[in-house]
Amino acid sequence: MEKFYLDLLGYCAATLTTVAFVPQVLKTIKTKSAKDVSIGMFISFTIGVFLWIIYGLVTNTKPIWISNSIIFCLALTQIALKLKYDKE
């Protein structure tokens, strides 16, 4: 497969997996509730995403490190919201 098509495939996958997190973060902000969010899962997931960022940087795979950087920020936001709303 040509590099162009592989990159296109990577960017499509990256876009879909990144956008998938936005509704959860927005719902948590809107409802001010994160009671159904598993903090353990999100911490584990965030560590995994961080490792994907490192992998993407080392292999110079832009779709991987760009999308996972965005997902990392969204996941950290979700963790912060979980901690904030669970205190209230």
Protein backbone atom coordinates (compact mmCIF):
# COMPACT_ATOMS: atom_id res chain seq x y z
CA MET A 1 0.00 0.00 0.00
CA GLU A 2 1.34 3.45 -0.85
CA LYS A 3 2.55 5.67 1.97
CA PHE A 4 -0.16 8.23 1.14
CA TYR A 5 -2.93 5.66 1.67
CA LEU A 6 -1.32 4.34 4.84
CA ASP A 7 -1.09 7.87 6.22
CA LEU A 8 -4.69 8.54 5.21
CA LEU A 9 -5.78 5.35 6.98
CA GLY A 10 -3.82 6.39 10.07
CA TYR A 11 -5.32 9.89 10.11
CA CYS A 12 -8.87 8.51 9.69
CA ALA A 13 -8.36 6.07 12.57
CA ALA A 14 -6.77 8.80 14.69
CA THR A 15 -9.64 11.21 14.03
CA LEU A 16 -12.31 8.68 14.96
CA THR A 17 -10.60 7.51 18.15
CA THR A 18 -9.90 11.09 19.22
CA VAL A 19 -13.40 12.39 18.53
CA ALA A 20 -14.87 9.42 20.42
CA PHE A 21 -13.69 10.93 23.72
CA VAL A 22 -15.26 14.34 23.27
CA PRO A 23 -18.89 13.36 24.07
CA GLN A 24 -17.88 11.77 27.41
CA VAL A 25 -15.91 14.82 28.51
CA LEU A 26 -18.70 17.18 27.41
CA LYS A 27 -21.35 15.07 29.18
CA THR A 28 -19.32 15.10 32.38
CA ILE A 29 -18.94 18.87 32.20
CA LYS A 30 -22.64 19.37 31.43
CA THR A 31 -24.00 17.06 34.12
CA LYS A 32 -21.25 17.83 36.64
CA SER A 33 -21.21 14.13 37.43
CA ALA A 34 -18.61 11.44 36.83
CA LYS A 35 -20.02 8.78 39.12
CA ASP A 36 -20.12 6.17 36.34
CA VAL A 37 -16.55 6.84 35.21
CA SER A 38 -13.97 4.32 36.41
CA ILE A 39 -10.91 6.19 37.68
CA GLY A 40 -8.80 3.01 37.54
CA MET A 41 -9.64 2.45 33.89
CA PHE A 42 -8.92 6.07 32.98
CA ILE A 43 -5.58 6.09 34.79
CA SER A 44 -4.53 2.85 33.09
CA PHE A 45 -5.79 4.14 29.75
CA THR A 46 -3.95 7.46 30.15
CA ILE A 47 -0.67 5.70 30.89
CA GLY A 48 -1.18 3.55 27.78
CA VAL A 49 -1.91 6.63 25.68
CA PHE A 50 1.25 8.28 27.00
CA LEU A 51 3.23 5.23 25.88
CA TRP A 52 1.62 5.48 22.43
CA ILE A 53 2.79 9.12 22.26
CA ILE A 54 6.36 8.02 22.98
CA TYR A 55 6.07 5.23 20.40
CA GLY A 56 4.70 7.62 17.79
CA LEU A 57 7.50 10.13 18.43
CA VAL A 58 10.24 7.50 18.32
CA THR A 59 8.89 5.97 15.10
CA ASN A 60 7.96 9.39 13.67
CA THR A 61 4.39 8.24 13.08
CA LYS A 62 2.44 11.49 13.09
CA PRO A 63 -1.09 10.05 13.22
CA ILE A 64 -0.15 8.13 16.36
CA TRP A 65 1.58 10.84 18.34
CA ILE A 66 -0.75 13.67 17.29
CA SER A 67 -4.01 11.86 18.03
CA ASN A 68 -2.73 10.33 21.25
CA SER A 69 -1.52 13.72 22.45
CA ILE A 70 -5.06 15.04 22.05
CA ILE A 71 -6.56 11.93 23.64
CA PHE A 72 -4.07 12.26 26.51
CA CYS A 73 -5.32 15.80 27.20
CA LEU A 74 -8.95 14.67 27.04
CA ALA A 75 -8.25 11.72 29.35
CA LEU A 76 -6.46 13.96 31.86
CA THR A 77 -9.43 16.33 31.70
CA GLN A 78 -11.80 13.44 32.41
CA ILE A 79 -9.66 12.31 35.36
CA ALA A 80 -9.59 15.86 36.76
CA LEU A 81 -13.37 16.15 36.36
CA LYS A 82 -13.86 12.78 38.04
CA LEU A 83 -11.75 13.86 41.01
CA LYS A 84 -13.46 17.25 41.21
CA TYR A 85 -17.05 16.02 40.96
CA ASP A 86 -16.53 13.04 43.26
CA LYS A 87 -15.46 15.48 46.01
CA GLU A 88 -18.64 17.52 45.65
